Amino acid sequence: MKEKIKNKNWHQKHKERFSFAQMLSDKLAGGMGSWRFIIIQTVMVVLWILLNVYGVIRQWDPYPFILLNLFFSIQAAYAAPIIMMSQNRQSERDRVHAEEDFKTNIKAKQEIEELQISLARIEDEKLNNIYKTLSELLREVKKK
């Protein structure tokens, strides 16, 4: 079970902390910001207006469609705070993401610095070995 927890990315860990209301507001904001919602709402408004203008069904909301305006006002009154809550969570997600990126960058920087130190040490050892070998060769050449 611990392995599953370790393998979760920052987004999954962050999302697990959401309450039901937070998840619901994200879903609603996502739905209201979709083409599907816009198309369905447009069709409903057009039908509402047509039914009231032509009087196919008893006109329950005659022109200037005050009841329709009331529905839009109610929808806007609830939609605005829901969308703002979702945007606040998006800002929080962005902040958490930036922090995780920063931590990853710091780790990567440390690893690169450690690799550079290791490579420098290896180069020094190789140069020392080459110097030692050349010194021994020079001694042998001088002896002959």
N, C-alpha and C. Protein backbone atom coordinates (compact mmCIF):
# COMPACT_ATOMS: atom_id res chain seq x y z
N MET A 1 0.83 -1.20 0.00
CA MET A 1 0.00 0.00 0.00
C MET A 1 0.87 1.26 0.00
N LYS A 2 1.99 1.23 0.73
CA LYS A 2 2.87 2.39 0.78
C LYS A 2 3.45 2.71 -0.59
N GLU A 3 3.70 1.68 -1.40
CA GLU A 3 4.24 1.92 -2.74
C GLU A 3 3.27 2.74 -3.58
N LYS A 4 1.98 2.48 -3.43
CA LYS A 4 0.98 3.25 -4.18
C LYS A 4 1.03 4.72 -3.78
N ILE A 5 1.17 4.98 -2.50
CA ILE A 5 1.21 6.35 -2.01
C ILE A 5 2.45 7.07 -2.53
N LYS A 6 3.58 6.38 -2.55
CA LYS A 6 4.81 6.99 -3.03
C LYS A 6 4.75 7.31 -4.52
N ASN A 7 4.02 6.51 -5.29
CA ASN A 7 3.99 6.68 -6.73
C ASN A 7 3.00 7.73 -7.21
N LYS A 8 2.28 8.35 -6.30
CA LYS A 8 1.31 9.37 -6.70
C LYS A 8 2.05 10.66 -7.03
N ASN A 9 1.58 11.32 -8.08
CA ASN A 9 2.20 12.60 -8.42
C ASN A 9 1.58 13.72 -7.60
N TRP A 10 2.12 14.91 -7.74
CA TRP A 10 1.67 16.05 -6.93
C TRP A 10 0.20 16.35 -7.16
N HIS A 11 -0.27 16.18 -8.39
CA HIS A 11 -1.66 16.52 -8.71
C HIS A 11 -2.62 15.55 -8.02
N GLN A 12 -2.27 14.26 -8.03
CA GLN A 12 -3.13 13.27 -7.37
C GLN A 12 -3.18 13.52 -5.86
N LYS A 13 -2.03 13.82 -5.27
CA LYS A 13 -2.00 14.10 -3.83
C LYS A 13 -2.83 15.35 -3.51
N HIS A 14 -2.70 16.37 -4.35
CA HIS A 14 -3.43 17.62 -4.13
C HIS A 14 -4.93 17.41 -4.27
N LYS A 15 -5.33 16.62 -5.27
CA LYS A 15 -6.74 16.38 -5.54
C LYS A 15 -7.41 15.59 -4.42
N GLU A 16 -6.66 14.73 -3.76
CA GLU A 16 -7.22 13.92 -2.66
C GLU A 16 -7.65 14.79 -1.48
N ARG A 17 -7.11 15.99 -1.37
CA ARG A 17 -7.45 16.87 -0.25
C ARG A 17 -8.74 17.64 -0.50
N PHE A 18 -9.31 17.54 -1.71
CA PHE A 18 -10.54 18.28 -2.03
C PHE A 18 -11.73 17.72 -1.26
N SER A 19 -12.59 18.63 -0.82
CA SER A 19 -13.84 18.21 -0.20
C SER A 19 -14.85 17.92 -1.33
N PHE A 20 -15.98 17.36 -0.95
CA PHE A 20 -17.03 17.07 -1.93
C PHE A 20 -17.49 18.36 -2.61
N ALA A 21 -17.67 19.42 -1.81
CA ALA A 21 -18.13 20.70 -2.38
C ALA A 21 -17.11 21.28 -3.36
N GLN A 22 -15.83 21.12 -3.06
CA GLN A 22 -14.80 21.62 -3.98
C GLN A 22 -14.80 20.85 -5.30
N MET A 23 -14.94 19.54 -5.19
CA MET A 23 -14.99 18.74 -6.42
C MET A 23 -16.24 19.07 -7.23
N LEU A 24 -17.36 19.25 -6.53
CA LEU A 24 -18.61 19.59 -7.21
C LEU A 24 -18.49 20.93 -7.93
N SER A 25 -17.92 21.93 -7.26
CA SER A 25 -17.79 23.24 -7.91
C SER A 25 -16.86 23.17 -9.12
N ASP A 26 -15.82 22.35 -9.06
CA ASP A 26 -14.93 22.18 -10.23
C ASP A 26 -15.69 21.54 -11.38
N LYS A 27 -16.50 20.53 -11.07
CA LYS A 27 -17.29 19.87 -12.12
C LYS A 27 -18.30 20.84 -12.73
N LEU A 28 -18.99 21.60 -11.87
CA LEU A 28 -19.98 22.56 -12.37
C LEU A 28 -19.32 23.64 -13.21
N ALA A 29 -18.19 24.17 -12.74
CA ALA A 29 -17.48 25.21 -13.49
C ALA A 29 -16.99 24.66 -14.82
N GLY A 30 -16.51 23.42 -14.80
CA GLY A 30 -16.08 22.79 -16.05
C GLY A 30 -17.24 22.59 -17.01
N GLY A 31 -18.39 22.21 -16.47
CA GLY A 31 -19.58 22.01 -17.31
C GLY A 31 -20.09 23.31 -17.88
N MET A 32 -20.12 24.37 -17.04
CA MET A 32 -20.62 25.65 -17.51
C MET A 32 -19.68 26.31 -18.52
N GLY A 33 -18.45 25.89 -18.51
CA GLY A 33 -17.48 26.46 -19.45
C GLY A 33 -17.30 25.61 -20.69
N SER A 34 -18.27 24.77 -20.99
CA SER A 34 -18.13 23.87 -22.14
C SER A 34 -19.07 24.27 -23.28
N TRP A 35 -18.72 23.84 -24.47
CA TRP A 35 -19.57 24.09 -25.63
C TRP A 35 -20.90 23.35 -25.49
N ARG A 36 -20.88 22.19 -24.87
CA ARG A 36 -22.11 21.43 -24.68
C ARG A 36 -23.13 22.25 -23.89
N PHE A 37 -22.68 22.87 -22.79
CA PHE A 37 -23.56 23.69 -21.97
C PHE A 37 -24.10 24.88 -22.79
N ILE A 38 -23.22 25.54 -23.51
CA ILE A 38 -23.63 26.70 -24.30
C ILE A 38 -24.67 26.31 -25.34
N ILE A 39 -24.45 25.19 -26.02
CA ILE A 39 -25.38 24.74 -27.06
C ILE A 39 -26.73 24.37 -26.45
N ILE A 40 -26.70 23.59 -25.36
CA ILE A 40 -27.96 23.18 -24.71
C ILE A 40 -28.71 24.41 -24.20
N GLN A 41 -28.00 25.35 -23.58
CA GLN A 41 -28.67 26.54 -23.07
C GLN A 41 -29.23 27.37 -24.23
N THR A 42 -28.50 27.48 -25.32
CA THR A 42 -28.98 28.25 -26.47
C THR A 42 -30.24 27.62 -27.04
N VAL A 43 -30.26 26.31 -27.17
CA VAL A 43 -31.44 25.62 -27.68
C VAL A 43 -32.63 25.85 -26.76
N MET A 44 -32.39 25.76 -25.44
CA MET A 44 -33.49 25.96 -24.49
C MET A 44 -34.03 27.39 -24.55
N VAL A 45 -33.15 28.37 -24.68
CA VAL A 45 -33.58 29.76 -24.75
C VAL A 45 -34.39 30.01 -26.03
N VAL A 46 -33.90 29.48 -27.14
CA VAL A 46 -34.61 29.65 -28.41
C VAL A 46 -35.99 29.01 -28.33
N LEU A 47 -36.08 27.79 -27.78
CA LEU A 47 -37.38 27.14 -27.62
C LEU A 47 -38.29 27.96 -26.70
N TRP A 48 -37.74 28.44 -25.60
CA TRP A 48 -38.51 29.26 -24.66
C TRP A 48 -39.11 30.47 -25.37
N ILE A 49 -38.28 31.17 -26.12
CA ILE A 49 -38.74 32.37 -26.83
C ILE A 49 -39.77 32.01 -27.89
N LEU A 50 -39.49 30.97 -28.69
CA LEU A 50 -40.42 30.58 -29.75
C LEU A 50 -41.77 30.17 -29.19
N LEU A 51 -41.76 29.37 -28.13
CA LEU A 51 -43.02 28.93 -27.54
C LEU A 51 -43.82 30.09 -26.98
N ASN A 52 -43.13 31.09 -26.45
CA ASN A 52 -43.83 32.24 -25.88
C ASN A 52 -44.25 33.24 -26.95
N VAL A 53 -43.47 33.40 -28.00
CA VAL A 53 -43.82 34.36 -29.06
C VAL A 53 -44.99 33.84 -29.88
N TYR A 54 -44.92 32.58 -30.26
CA TYR A 54 -45.96 32.02 -31.12
C TYR A 54 -47.16 31.49 -30.34
N GLY A 55 -47.03 31.39 -29.05
CA GLY A 55 -48.16 31.00 -28.23
C GLY A 55 -48.62 29.58 -28.47
N VAL A 56 -47.71 28.67 -28.89
CA VAL A 56 -48.07 27.26 -29.09
C VAL A 56 -48.58 26.70 -27.77
N ILE A 57 -47.90 27.04 -26.73
CA ILE A 57 -48.34 26.67 -25.39
C ILE A 57 -48.72 28.00 -24.74
N ARG A 58 -49.71 27.97 -23.86
CA ARG A 58 -50.13 29.20 -23.21
C ARG A 58 -48.92 30.00 -22.79
N GLN A 59 -48.89 31.28 -23.14
CA GLN A 59 -47.73 32.11 -22.87
C GLN A 59 -47.55 32.31 -21.36
N TRP A 60 -46.59 31.62 -20.79
CA TRP A 60 -46.33 31.75 -19.37
C TRP A 60 -45.32 32.88 -19.09
N ASP A 61 -44.64 33.32 -20.15
CA ASP A 61 -43.64 34.38 -19.99
C ASP A 61 -43.67 35.28 -21.23
N PRO A 62 -44.69 36.16 -21.32
CA PRO A 62 -44.79 37.00 -22.52
C PRO A 62 -43.62 37.96 -22.63
N TYR A 63 -43.44 38.47 -23.85
CA TYR A 63 -42.37 39.42 -24.13
C TYR A 63 -42.42 40.53 -23.10
N PRO A 64 -41.37 40.96 -22.52
CA PRO A 64 -39.93 40.83 -22.74
C PRO A 64 -39.28 39.69 -21.95
N PHE A 65 -39.99 38.64 -21.69
CA PHE A 65 -39.45 37.42 -21.09
C PHE A 65 -38.81 37.68 -19.73
N ILE A 66 -39.59 38.21 -18.83
CA ILE A 66 -39.10 38.56 -17.49
C ILE A 66 -38.71 37.31 -16.70
N LEU A 67 -39.50 36.24 -16.84
CA LEU A 67 -39.18 34.99 -16.14
C LEU A 67 -37.85 34.42 -16.64
N LEU A 68 -37.64 34.48 -17.96
CA LEU A 68 -36.37 34.00 -18.53
C LEU A 68 -35.21 34.83 -17.98
N ASN A 69 -35.38 36.14 -17.91
CA ASN A 69 -34.34 37.01 -17.34
C ASN A 69 -34.09 36.67 -15.87
N LEU A 70 -35.15 36.34 -15.15
CA LEU A 70 -34.99 35.95 -13.76
C LEU A 70 -34.15 34.67 -13.66
N PHE A 71 -34.43 33.69 -14.51
CA PHE A 71 -33.65 32.45 -14.52
C PHE A 71 -32.17 32.73 -14.82
N PHE A 72 -31.92 33.61 -15.79
CA PHE A 72 -30.53 33.97 -16.11
C PHE A 72 -29.86 34.68 -14.94
N SER A 73 -30.58 35.53 -14.24
CA SER A 73 -30.01 36.23 -13.09
C SER A 73 -29.66 35.24 -11.99
N ILE A 74 -30.56 34.29 -11.75
CA ILE A 74 -30.30 33.27 -10.72
C ILE A 74 -29.09 32.43 -11.12
N GLN A 75 -29.06 32.03 -12.39
CA GLN A 75 -27.94 31.23 -12.89
C GLN A 75 -26.62 32.00 -12.71
N ALA A 76 -26.62 33.28 -13.07
CA ALA A 76 -25.40 34.09 -12.94
C ALA A 76 -25.01 34.27 -11.48
N ALA A 77 -26.01 34.43 -10.61
CA ALA A 77 -25.73 34.62 -9.18
C ALA A 77 -25.04 33.40 -8.58
N TYR A 78 -25.39 32.22 -9.06
CA TYR A 78 -24.75 31.00 -8.55
C TYR A 78 -23.50 30.64 -9.33
N ALA A 79 -23.50 30.93 -10.63
CA ALA A 79 -22.36 30.54 -11.46
C ALA A 79 -21.10 31.32 -11.10
N ALA A 80 -21.23 32.61 -10.85
CA ALA A 80 -20.05 33.44 -10.58
C ALA A 80 -19.25 32.93 -9.37
N PRO A 81 -19.88 32.72 -8.20
CA PRO A 81 -19.07 32.23 -7.07
C PRO A 81 -18.52 30.82 -7.29
N ILE A 82 -19.29 29.97 -7.99
CA ILE A 82 -18.80 28.62 -8.26
C ILE A 82 -17.56 28.68 -9.14
N ILE A 83 -17.61 29.51 -10.16
CA ILE A 83 -16.46 29.65 -11.06
C ILE A 83 -15.28 30.26 -10.32
N MET A 84 -15.55 31.24 -9.44
CA MET A 84 -14.47 31.85 -8.67
C MET A 84 -13.82 30.85 -7.72
N MET A 85 -14.63 29.98 -7.10
CA MET A 85 -14.07 28.95 -6.22
C MET A 85 -13.17 28.02 -7.02
N SER A 86 -13.63 27.64 -8.20
CA SER A 86 -12.84 26.76 -9.06
C SER A 86 -11.54 27.44 -9.49
N GLN A 87 -11.61 28.73 -9.80
CA GLN A 87 -10.40 29.46 -10.19
C GLN A 87 -9.43 29.58 -9.02
N ASN A 88 -9.96 29.75 -7.83
CA ASN A 88 -9.09 29.80 -6.65
C ASN A 88 -8.35 28.48 -6.47
N ARG A 89 -9.06 27.37 -6.68
CA ARG A 89 -8.40 26.07 -6.59
C ARG A 89 -7.38 25.89 -7.71
N GLN A 90 -7.69 26.43 -8.88
CA GLN A 90 -6.72 26.36 -9.98
C GLN A 90 -5.46 27.14 -9.60
N SER A 91 -5.63 28.28 -8.97
CA SER A 91 -4.47 29.05 -8.51
C SER A 91 -3.68 28.26 -7.48
N GLU A 92 -4.38 27.59 -6.57
CA GLU A 92 -3.72 26.76 -5.57
C GLU A 92 -2.98 25.61 -6.24
N ARG A 93 -3.62 24.98 -7.24
CA ARG A 93 -2.95 23.90 -7.99
C ARG A 93 -1.69 24.42 -8.66
N ASP A 94 -1.79 25.60 -9.27
CA ASP A 94 -0.63 26.18 -9.94
C ASP A 94 0.50 26.45 -8.94
N ARG A 95 0.13 26.94 -7.74
CA ARG A 95 1.14 27.20 -6.72
C ARG A 95 1.81 25.91 -6.27
N VAL A 96 1.00 24.87 -6.02
CA VAL A 96 1.55 23.57 -5.61
C VAL A 96 2.43 23.02 -6.73
N HIS A 97 1.97 23.15 -7.97
CA HIS A 97 2.76 22.67 -9.11
C HIS A 97 4.09 23.40 -9.20
N ALA A 98 4.06 24.71 -9.01
CA ALA A 98 5.30 25.50 -9.05
C ALA A 98 6.25 25.07 -7.94
N GLU A 99 5.71 24.82 -6.75
CA GLU A 99 6.55 24.36 -5.63
C GLU A 99 7.18 23.01 -5.95
N GLU A 100 6.39 22.10 -6.50
CA GLU A 100 6.92 20.78 -6.85
C GLU A 100 7.97 20.89 -7.95
N ASP A 101 7.73 21.74 -8.92
CA ASP A 101 8.73 21.96 -9.98
C ASP A 101 10.01 22.53 -9.38
N PHE A 102 9.87 23.46 -8.43
CA PHE A 102 11.04 24.05 -7.79
C PHE A 102 11.84 22.98 -7.05
N LYS A 103 11.13 22.12 -6.29
CA LYS A 103 11.81 21.04 -5.57
C LYS A 103 12.54 20.11 -6.54
N THR A 104 11.87 19.78 -7.65
CA THR A 104 12.49 18.92 -8.65
C THR A 104 13.72 19.58 -9.25
N ASN A 105 13.62 20.87 -9.54
CA ASN A 105 14.76 21.59 -10.10
C ASN A 105 15.94 21.65 -9.13
N ILE A 106 15.65 21.84 -7.85
CA ILE A 106 16.71 21.86 -6.83
C ILE A 106 17.39 20.49 -6.78
N LYS A 107 16.60 19.41 -6.78
CA LYS A 107 17.18 18.06 -6.76
C LYS A 107 18.04 17.84 -7.99
N ALA A 108 17.52 18.24 -9.15
CA ALA A 108 18.27 18.05 -10.39
C ALA A 108 19.58 18.84 -10.35
N LYS A 109 19.51 20.06 -9.84
CA LYS A 109 20.72 20.89 -9.74
C LYS A 109 21.75 20.22 -8.83
N GLN A 110 21.29 19.70 -7.70
CA GLN A 110 22.21 19.02 -6.77
C GLN A 110 22.84 17.79 -7.43
N GLU A 111 22.03 17.01 -8.15
CA GLU A 111 22.55 15.83 -8.82
C GLU A 111 23.56 16.21 -9.89
N ILE A 112 23.29 17.27 -10.63
CA ILE A 112 24.22 17.73 -11.67
C ILE A 112 25.53 18.19 -11.03
N GLU A 113 25.42 18.93 -9.92
CA GLU A 113 26.63 19.38 -9.23
C GLU A 113 27.44 18.19 -8.72
N GLU A 114 26.76 17.17 -8.18
CA GLU A 114 27.45 15.97 -7.71
C GLU A 114 28.12 15.24 -8.87
N LEU A 115 27.43 15.18 -10.02
CA LEU A 115 28.03 14.55 -11.20
C LEU A 115 29.25 15.32 -11.67
N GLN A 116 29.16 16.65 -11.65
CA GLN A 116 30.31 17.46 -12.06
C GLN A 116 31.50 17.24 -11.14
N ILE A 117 31.24 17.15 -9.85
CA ILE A 117 32.31 16.89 -8.89
C ILE A 117 32.92 15.52 -9.15
N SER A 118 32.05 14.52 -9.39
CA SER A 118 32.54 13.16 -9.67
C SER A 118 33.37 13.14 -10.95
N LEU A 119 32.88 13.81 -11.98
CA LEU A 119 33.63 13.86 -13.23
C LEU A 119 34.97 14.57 -13.06
N ALA A 120 34.97 15.64 -12.29
CA ALA A 120 36.23 16.36 -12.04
C ALA A 120 37.21 15.47 -11.29
N ARG A 121 36.70 14.71 -10.31
CA ARG A 121 37.55 13.78 -9.56
C ARG A 121 38.12 12.70 -10.48
N ILE A 122 37.26 12.16 -11.35
CA ILE A 122 37.71 11.14 -12.30
C ILE A 122 38.77 11.71 -13.23
N GLU A 123 38.57 12.93 -13.71
CA GLU A 123 39.55 13.56 -14.59
C GLU A 123 40.87 13.78 -13.85
N ASP A 124 40.79 14.21 -12.60
CA ASP A 124 42.01 14.40 -11.81
C ASP A 124 42.75 13.09 -11.64
N GLU A 125 42.00 12.02 -11.33
CA GLU A 125 42.64 10.71 -11.17
C GLU A 125 43.30 10.27 -12.47
N LYS A 126 42.60 10.47 -13.59
CA LYS A 126 43.17 10.09 -14.88
C LYS A 126 44.43 10.91 -15.19
N LEU A 127 44.35 12.21 -14.94
CA LEU A 127 45.51 13.06 -15.19
C LEU A 127 46.68 12.67 -14.28
N ASN A 128 46.38 12.37 -13.02
CA ASN A 128 47.44 11.91 -12.11
C ASN A 128 48.06 10.61 -12.60
N ASN A 129 47.21 9.68 -13.08
CA ASN A 129 47.72 8.41 -13.62
C ASN A 129 48.58 8.67 -14.86
N ILE A 130 48.12 9.57 -15.73
CA ILE A 130 48.90 9.89 -16.94
C ILE A 130 50.23 10.53 -16.54
N TYR A 131 50.20 11.45 -15.59
CA TYR A 131 51.41 12.12 -15.12
C TYR A 131 52.38 11.09 -14.51
N LYS A 132 51.81 10.19 -13.70
CA LYS A 132 52.63 9.15 -13.07
C LYS A 132 53.26 8.26 -14.12
N THR A 133 52.46 7.84 -15.11
CA THR A 133 52.96 6.97 -16.18
C THR A 133 54.05 7.69 -16.98
N LEU A 134 53.82 8.96 -17.31
CA LEU A 134 54.83 9.73 -18.05
C LEU A 134 56.10 9.90 -17.24
N SER A 135 55.97 10.13 -15.94
CA SER A 135 57.14 10.27 -15.07
C SER A 135 57.95 8.98 -15.06
N GLU A 136 57.26 7.85 -14.95
CA GLU A 136 57.95 6.56 -14.94
C GLU A 136 58.64 6.32 -16.28
N LEU A 137 57.97 6.67 -17.37
CA LEU A 137 58.57 6.51 -18.70
C LEU A 137 59.82 7.39 -18.84
N LEU A 138 59.73 8.62 -18.34
CA LEU A 138 60.89 9.51 -18.41
C LEU A 138 62.06 8.98 -17.60
N ARG A 139 61.78 8.42 -16.44
CA ARG A 139 62.84 7.83 -15.61
C ARG A 139 63.49 6.66 -16.34
N GLU A 140 62.68 5.84 -16.97
CA GLU A 140 63.21 4.69 -17.70
C GLU A 140 64.05 5.14 -18.89
N VAL A 141 63.57 6.19 -19.56
CA VAL A 141 64.32 6.69 -20.72
C VAL A 141 65.64 7.29 -20.24
N LYS A 142 65.65 7.99 -19.13
CA LYS A 142 66.89 8.58 -18.60
C LYS A 142 67.86 7.51 -18.17
N LYS A 143 67.36 6.37 -17.63
CA LYS A 143 68.22 5.28 -17.20
C LYS A 143 68.93 4.64 -18.40
N LYS A 144 68.32 4.63 -19.53
CA LYS A 144 68.89 3.95 -20.71
C LYS A 144 69.83 4.84 -21.39
